[in-house]
C-alpha atoms as a PDB file:
ATOM      1  CA  MET A   1     -15.990  11.762 -21.603  1.00  0.00           C
ATOM      2  CA  ALA A   2     -12.414  12.093 -22.116  1.00  0.00           C
ATOM      3  CA  ASN A   3     -12.638  15.656 -20.819  1.00  0.00           C
ATOM      4  CA  ALA A   4     -14.185  14.600 -17.577  1.00  0.00           C
ATOM      5  CA  LEU A   5     -11.213  11.768 -17.145  1.00  0.00           C
ATOM      6  CA  ASN A   6      -8.799  14.448 -17.670  1.00  0.00           C
ATOM      7  CA  GLU A   7     -10.424  16.462 -14.724  1.00  0.00           C
ATOM      8  CA  VAL A   8     -10.587  13.772 -12.704  1.00  0.00           C
ATOM      9  CA  ARG A   9      -6.555  13.100 -13.098  1.00  0.00           C
ATOM     10  CA  ARG A  10      -5.627  16.917 -12.790  1.00  0.00           C
ATOM     11  CA  TRP A  11      -7.272  17.093  -9.477  1.00  0.00           C
ATOM     12  CA  THR A  12      -6.229  13.719  -7.996  1.00  0.00           C
ATOM     13  CA  TRP A  13      -2.812  14.878  -8.295  1.00  0.00           C
ATOM     14  CA  LEU A  14      -3.011  18.066  -7.111  1.00  0.00           C
ATOM     15  CA  LEU A  15      -4.745  16.017  -4.140  1.00  0.00           C
ATOM     16  CA  LEU A  16      -2.023  13.852  -4.021  1.00  0.00           C
ATOM     17  CA  VAL A  17       0.738  16.543  -3.666  1.00  0.00           C
ATOM     18  CA  GLY A  18      -1.166  17.938  -0.903  1.00  0.00           C
ATOM     19  CA  LEU A  19      -1.384  15.071   1.051  1.00  0.00           C
ATOM     20  CA  VAL A  20       1.994  14.007   0.330  1.00  0.00           C
ATOM     21  CA  VAL A  21       3.166  17.169   1.646  1.00  0.00           C
ATOM     22  CA  ILE A  22       0.908  16.993   4.728  1.00  0.00           C
ATOM     23  CA  LEU A  23       1.799  13.332   5.475  1.00  0.00           C
ATOM     24  CA  GLY A  24       5.694  15.112   5.327  1.00  0.00           C
ATOM     25  CA  LEU A  25       5.392  17.725   7.968  1.00  0.00           C
ATOM     26  CA  LEU A  26       3.118  15.163  10.060  1.00  0.00           C
ATOM     27  CA  LEU A  27       6.157  13.344  10.254  1.00  0.00           C
ATOM     28  CA  TRP A  28       8.550  16.381  10.971  1.00  0.00           C
ATOM     29  CA  LEU A  29       6.001  17.025  13.504  1.00  0.00           C
ATOM     30  CA  SER A  30       5.659  13.907  15.356  1.00  0.00           C
ATOM     31  CA  PRO A  31       7.206  13.232  18.716  1.00  0.00           C
ATOM     32  CA  ALA A  32      10.478  10.998  18.799  1.00  0.00           C
ATOM     33  CA  GLU A  33      10.227   7.989  21.267  1.00  0.00           C
ATOM     34  CA  ARG A  34      12.410   7.354  24.378  1.00  0.00           C
ATOM     35  CA  THR A  35      14.310   4.040  22.958  1.00  0.00           C
ATOM     36  CA  LEU A  36      14.283   5.023  19.119  1.00  0.00           C
ATOM     37  CA  GLY A  37      14.665   8.639  18.832  1.00  0.00           C
ATOM     38  CA  GLN A  38      14.034  10.451  16.167  1.00  0.00           C
ATOM     39  CA  THR A  39      13.754   6.937  14.147  1.00  0.00           C
ATOM     40  CA  VAL A  40      10.208   6.138  15.192  1.00  0.00           C
ATOM     41  CA  LYS A  41       9.462   8.456  12.325  1.00  0.00           C
ATOM     42  CA  LEU A  42      10.260   5.987   9.389  1.00  0.00           C
ATOM     43  CA  VAL A  43       8.449   3.175  11.902  1.00  0.00           C
ATOM     44  CA  TYR A  44       5.255   5.663  11.906  1.00  0.00           C
ATOM     45  CA  LEU A  45       5.255   5.646   8.150  1.00  0.00           C
ATOM     46  CA  HIS A  46       6.449   1.930   8.043  1.00  0.00           C
ATOM     47  CA  GLY A  47       3.604   0.748  10.144  1.00  0.00           C
ATOM     48  CA  ALA A  48       0.976   3.367   7.779  1.00  0.00           C
ATOM     49  CA  LEU A  49       2.348   1.807   4.046  1.00  0.00           C
ATOM     50  CA  VAL A  50       2.163  -1.761   5.272  1.00  0.00           C
ATOM     51  CA  ARG A  51      -1.413  -0.789   6.631  1.00  0.00           C
ATOM     52  CA  THR A  52      -2.625   1.076   3.658  1.00  0.00           C
ATOM     53  CA  ALA A  53      -1.533  -1.649   1.179  1.00  0.00           C
ATOM     54  CA  MET A  54      -2.943  -4.101   2.897  1.00  0.00           C
ATOM     55  CA  LEU A  55      -6.434  -2.356   3.245  1.00  0.00           C
ATOM     56  CA  LEU A  56      -6.243  -1.871  -0.430  1.00  0.00           C
ATOM     57  CA  PHE A  57      -5.606  -5.755  -1.143  1.00  0.00           C
ATOM     58  CA  VAL A  58      -8.564  -6.637   1.106  1.00  0.00           C
ATOM     59  CA  ILE A  59     -10.774  -3.499  -0.900  1.00  0.00           C
ATOM     60  CA  SER A  60      -9.567  -5.227  -4.175  1.00  0.00           C
ATOM     61  CA  LEU A  61     -10.440  -8.821  -3.862  1.00  0.00           C
ATOM     62  CA  PRO A  62     -14.298  -8.947  -3.890  1.00  0.00           C
ATOM     63  CA  VAL A  63     -14.170  -6.253  -6.510  1.00  0.00           C
ATOM     64  CA  ASN A  64     -11.587  -8.479  -8.684  1.00  0.00           C
ATOM     65  CA  LEU A  65     -14.187 -11.582  -7.694  1.00  0.00           C
ATOM     66  CA  VAL A  66     -17.220  -9.490  -8.749  1.00  0.00           C
ATOM     67  CA  ALA A  67     -15.473  -8.647 -11.896  1.00  0.00           C
ATOM     68  CA  LEU A  68     -14.612 -12.166 -12.779  1.00  0.00           C
ATOM     69  CA  VAL A  69     -18.387 -13.214 -11.950  1.00  0.00           C
ATOM     70  CA  LEU A  70     -19.549 -10.972 -14.220  1.00  0.00           C
ATOM     71  CA  GLY A  71     -17.268 -10.030 -16.691  1.00  0.00           C
ATOM     72  CA  ARG A  72     -17.810  -6.457 -16.646  1.00  0.00           C
ATOM     73  CA  ARG A  73     -14.814  -4.156 -17.831  1.00  0.00           C
ATOM     74  CA  GLY A  74     -15.854  -1.253 -15.458  1.00  0.00           C
ATOM     75  CA  TRP A  75     -15.709  -3.554 -12.393  1.00  0.00           C
ATOM     76  CA  SER A  76     -12.295  -5.277 -13.505  1.00  0.00           C
ATOM     77  CA  ALA A  77     -11.096  -1.767 -14.169  1.00  0.00           C
ATOM     78  CA  TRP A  78     -11.553  -0.628 -10.512  1.00  0.00           C
ATOM     79  CA  GLY A  79      -9.967  -4.156  -9.345  1.00  0.00           C
ATOM     80  CA  LYS A  80      -6.936  -3.330 -11.491  1.00  0.00           C
ATOM     81  CA  ALA A  81      -6.414   0.059  -9.969  1.00  0.00           C
ATOM     82  CA  LEU A  82      -7.086  -0.794  -6.452  1.00  0.00           C
ATOM     83  CA  ALA A  83      -4.298  -4.071  -7.318  1.00  0.00           C
ATOM     84  CA  TRP A  84      -1.948  -1.873  -8.757  1.00  0.00           C
ATOM     85  CA  THR A  85      -2.144   1.137  -6.414  1.00  0.00           C
ATOM     86  CA  ALA A  86      -1.045  -1.900  -3.440  1.00  0.00           C
ATOM     87  CA  VAL A  87       1.615  -3.161  -5.275  1.00  0.00           C
ATOM     88  CA  LEU A  88       2.777   0.825  -5.786  1.00  0.00           C
ATOM     89  CA  ILE A  89       2.254   1.545  -2.189  1.00  0.00           C
ATOM     90  CA  TRP A  90       3.760  -2.106  -1.344  1.00  0.00           C
ATOM     91  CA  LEU A  91       7.213  -1.305  -3.092  1.00  0.00           C
ATOM     92  CA  VAL A  92       7.355   2.257  -1.861  1.00  0.00           C
ATOM     93  CA  HIS A  93       7.313   0.491   1.843  1.00  0.00           C
ATOM     94  CA  VAL A  94       9.699  -1.943   0.841  1.00  0.00           C
ATOM     95  CA  LEU A  95      12.541   1.291   0.463  1.00  0.00           C
ATOM     96  CA  PHE A  96      11.089   2.753   3.144  1.00  0.00           C
ATOM     97  CA  SER A  97      11.201  -0.578   5.201  1.00  0.00           C
ATOM     98  CA  MET A  98      14.991  -0.909   4.106  1.00  0.00           C
ATOM     99  CA  ILE A  99      15.540   2.437   5.493  1.00  0.00           C
ATOM    100  CA  THR A 100      13.869   2.102   8.886  1.00  0.00           C
ATOM    101  CA  THR A 101      15.849  -1.488   9.427  1.00  0.00           C
ATOM    102  CA  TYR A 102      19.289   0.304   8.735  1.00  0.00           C
ATOM    103  CA  ALA A 103      18.486   3.087  10.990  1.00  0.00           C
ATOM    104  CA  ALA A 104      16.920   0.688  13.547  1.00  0.00           C
ATOM    105  CA  TRP A 105      19.054  -2.549  13.773  1.00  0.00           C
ATOM    106  CA  GLY A 106      22.318  -1.490  11.372  1.00  0.00           C
ATOM    107  CA  VAL A 107      21.468  -3.436   8.667  1.00  0.00           C
ATOM    108  CA  PHE A 108      19.134  -2.368   5.152  1.00  0.00           C
ATOM    109  CA  ILE A 109      17.851  -5.956   4.911  1.00  0.00           C
ATOM    110  CA  ALA A 110      16.919  -8.576   7.737  1.00  0.00           C
ATOM    111  CA  TRP A 111      16.576 -11.502   6.318  1.00  0.00           C
ATOM    112  CA  PHE A 112      16.763 -13.748   9.309  1.00  0.00           C
ATOM    113  CA  GLU A 113      13.214 -11.811   9.653  1.00  0.00           C
ATOM    114  CA  PRO A 114       9.842 -13.890   8.311  1.00  0.00           C
ATOM    115  CA  ARG A 115       8.107 -10.635   7.496  1.00  0.00           C
ATOM    116  CA  THR A 116      10.972  -9.286   5.373  1.00  0.00           C
ATOM    117  CA  ARG A 117      11.466 -12.275   2.991  1.00  0.00           C
ATOM    118  CA  PHE A 118       7.259 -12.240   2.724  1.00  0.00           C
ATOM    119  CA  THR A 119       7.703  -8.389   2.204  1.00  0.00           C
ATOM    120  CA  PHE A 120      10.442  -8.817  -0.713  1.00  0.00           C
ATOM    121  CA  ALA A 121       8.731 -11.779  -2.125  1.00  0.00           C
ATOM    122  CA  LEU A 122       5.232 -10.252  -2.444  1.00  0.00           C
ATOM    123  CA  ALA A 123       7.064  -7.056  -4.269  1.00  0.00           C
ATOM    124  CA  ALA A 124       8.377  -9.223  -6.966  1.00  0.00           C
ATOM    125  CA  VAL A 125       5.143 -11.411  -6.949  1.00  0.00           C
ATOM    126  CA  GLY A 126       3.175  -7.964  -7.429  1.00  0.00           C
ATOM    127  CA  VAL A 127       5.471  -6.559 -10.476  1.00  0.00           C
ATOM    128  CA  ALA A 128       5.259 -10.054 -12.011  1.00  0.00           C
ATOM    129  CA  PHE A 129       1.588 -10.240 -11.914  1.00  0.00           C
ATOM    130  CA  VAL A 130       1.302  -6.277 -13.021  1.00  0.00           C
ATOM    131  CA  ALA A 131       3.709  -6.944 -16.176  1.00  0.00           C
ATOM    132  CA  VAL A 132       1.720  -9.851 -17.203  1.00  0.00           C
ATOM    133  CA  ASP A 133      -1.446  -8.329 -16.436  1.00  0.00           C
ATOM    134  CA  ARG A 134      -0.109  -5.350 -18.830  1.00  0.00           C
ATOM    135  CA  LEU A 135       1.045  -7.910 -21.757  1.00  0.00           C
ATOM    136  CA  VAL A 136      -2.404 -10.111 -21.387  1.00  0.00           C
ATOM    137  CA  ASP A 137      -4.960  -6.997 -21.097  1.00  0.00           C
ATOM    138  CA  ASN A 138      -7.672  -8.912 -20.664  1.00  0.00           C
ATOM    139  CA  ALA A 139     -10.465  -8.445 -18.172  1.00  0.00           C
ATOM    140  CA  ARG A 140     -11.290 -11.590 -16.719  1.00  0.00           C
ATOM    141  CA  PHE A 141      -7.824 -12.718 -16.553  1.00  0.00           C
ATOM    142  CA  SER A 142      -6.931  -9.617 -14.795  1.00  0.00           C
ATOM    143  CA  ALA A 143      -9.882 -10.189 -11.963  1.00  0.00           C
ATOM    144  CA  LEU A 144      -8.461 -13.609 -12.084  1.00  0.00           C
ATOM    145  CA  ALA A 145      -5.021 -12.716 -11.434  1.00  0.00           C
ATOM    146  CA  PHE A 146      -5.310  -9.837  -8.744  1.00  0.00           C
ATOM    147  CA  ALA A 147      -7.817 -12.152  -7.141  1.00  0.00           C
ATOM    148  CA  VAL A 148      -5.535 -14.743  -6.603  1.00  0.00           C
ATOM    149  CA  LEU A 149      -2.767 -12.205  -5.673  1.00  0.00           C
ATOM    150  CA  ALA A 150      -4.999 -10.632  -2.626  1.00  0.00           C
ATOM    151  CA  GLY A 151      -6.106 -13.927  -2.049  1.00  0.00           C
ATOM    152  CA  LEU A 152      -2.526 -15.401  -1.464  1.00  0.00           C
ATOM    153  CA  THR A 153      -1.667 -11.823   0.640  1.00  0.00           C
ATOM    154  CA  LEU A 154      -4.101 -11.575   2.736  1.00  0.00           C
ATOM    155  CA  GLY A 155      -3.975 -15.751   3.586  1.00  0.00           C
ATOM    156  CA  LEU A 156       0.153 -15.545   4.215  1.00  0.00           C
ATOM    157  CA  ALA A 157       0.583 -11.944   6.176  1.00  0.00           C
ATOM    158  CA  PRO A 158      -1.680 -13.299   9.196  1.00  0.00           C
ATOM    159  CA  ARG A 159       0.909 -16.367   9.417  1.00  0.00           C
ATOM    160  CA  LEU A 160       4.194 -14.559   9.508  1.00  0.00           C
ATOM    161  CA  GLY A 161       6.080 -15.318  12.723  1.00  0.00           C
ATOM    162  CA  ALA A 162       8.212 -12.199  13.934  1.00  0.00           C
ATOM    163  CA  ILE A 163      11.759 -12.790  15.714  1.00  0.00           C
ATOM    164  CA  GLN A 164      13.043  -9.322  16.398  1.00  0.00           C
ATOM    165  CA  HIS A 165      10.375  -7.604  14.743  1.00  0.00           C
ATOM    166  CA  PRO A 166       7.841  -5.557  17.079  1.00  0.00           C
ATOM    167  CA  LEU A 167       4.084  -6.622  16.551  1.00  0.00           C
ATOM    168  CA  ASN A 168       2.112  -3.080  16.733  1.00  0.00           C
ATOM    169  CA  ALA A 169       4.600  -1.184  18.730  1.00  0.00           C
ATOM    170  CA  ILE A 170       3.204   2.001  17.531  1.00  0.00           C
ATOM    171  CA  SER A 171      -0.312   1.236  18.612  1.00  0.00           C
ATOM    172  CA  SER A 172       0.274  -0.173  21.529  1.00  0.00           C
ATOM    173  CA  SER A 173       2.889   2.493  22.905  1.00  0.00           C
ATOM    174  CA  PRO A 174       1.212   3.833  26.367  1.00  0.00           C
ATOM    175  CA  SER A 175       1.924   7.624  24.515  1.00  0.00           C
ATOM    176  CA  VAL A 176      -1.536   8.839  23.903  1.00  0.00           C
ATOM    177  CA  THR A 177       0.274  11.631  21.587  1.00  0.00           C
ATOM    178  CA  ILE A 178       2.190   8.872  19.457  1.00  0.00           C
ATOM    179  CA  ARG A 179      -0.777   6.787  19.065  1.00  0.00           C
ATOM    180  CA  THR A 180      -2.510  10.117  18.263  1.00  0.00           C
ATOM    181  CA  PHE A 181      -0.204  11.149  15.407  1.00  0.00           C
ATOM    182  CA  TYR A 182       0.334   7.780  14.280  1.00  0.00           C
ATOM    183  CA  ALA A 183      -3.620   7.452  13.835  1.00  0.00           C
ATOM    184  CA  VAL A 184      -3.536  10.703  11.911  1.00  0.00           C
ATOM    185  CA  ILE A 185      -0.328   9.438   9.640  1.00  0.00           C
ATOM    186  CA  LEU A 186      -2.419   6.359   8.958  1.00  0.00           C
ATOM    187  CA  ALA A 187      -5.432   8.482   7.684  1.00  0.00           C
ATOM    188  CA  VAL A 188      -3.441  10.871   5.585  1.00  0.00           C
ATOM    189  CA  SER A 189      -1.604   7.485   3.658  1.00  0.00           C
ATOM    190  CA  LEU A 190      -5.053   5.832   3.427  1.00  0.00           C
ATOM    191  CA  ALA A 191      -6.336   8.967   1.689  1.00  0.00           C
ATOM    192  CA  ILE A 192      -3.442   8.937  -0.476  1.00  0.00           C
ATOM    193  CA  GLY A 193      -3.884   5.259  -1.533  1.00  0.00           C
ATOM    194  CA  GLY A 194      -7.297   6.073  -2.274  1.00  0.00           C
ATOM    195  CA  LEU A 195      -6.628   9.193  -4.674  1.00  0.00           C
ATOM    196  CA  LEU A 196      -3.953   6.732  -6.405  1.00  0.00           C
ATOM    197  CA  ALA A 197      -6.728   4.201  -7.007  1.00  0.00           C
ATOM    198  CA  ILE A 198      -9.119   6.919  -8.354  1.00  0.00           C
ATOM    199  CA  TRP A 199      -6.114   8.138 -10.457  1.00  0.00           C
ATOM    200  CA  PHE A 200      -4.978   5.090 -11.791  1.00  0.00           C
ATOM    201  CA  ARG A 201      -8.869   4.203 -12.527  1.00  0.00           C
ATOM    202  CA  ALA A 202      -9.145   7.705 -14.368  1.00  0.00           C
ATOM    203  CA  ARG A 203      -6.013   6.665 -16.893  1.00  0.00           C
ATOM    204  CA  ILE A 204      -7.572   3.079 -17.734  1.00  0.00           C
ATOM    205  CA  ALA A 205      -9.440   3.688 -20.753  1.00  0.00           C
ATOM    206  CA  PRO A 206     -13.376   3.281 -19.801  1.00  0.00           C
ATOM    207  CA  GLY A 207     -13.530   0.471 -22.974  1.00  0.00           C
ATOM    208  CA  ARG A 208     -10.807  -1.502 -21.886  1.00  0.00           C
END
């Protein structure tokens, strides 16, 4: 069993490295935009990371609810792995959102934007939930905590307004090339998220 888990970790890690390289190449080759110029490449990554993290939260919610009801450690381990991955990708998104905001607007953190405040609040809460989960180390507690985290995230995100932040700027672009590149970048980002969840699951001992 241990050898099989080590193989999963090794191959998952190798695939992750390959996908990150592909993502970098896609961003390098992706087209510039008339208004933002090359800065739009950061926007591609920013949007892909947000959607990847949100999808992971969506998937983690029913998985953790099943783990809470059934109390089975296998379900709890997957729920934990999905939530950890969602939080990790959200933290990476926070870093790139600061770079993107500075490149586009000239400030690192646009506190006047509701989405910015939500971004940093979720990062802090997510890290706190993961830290407490590590301390408590109980399957049902993990399932409850991460179900609550996902539920709050998915419940609050659609209610956020926007002041200067455009909504779906890339998806609504008239350029087929821009939309196509973004779709491929998003697909690679989602694949990275899935592999990270598998890697985290392999690192969680079966008996925990």
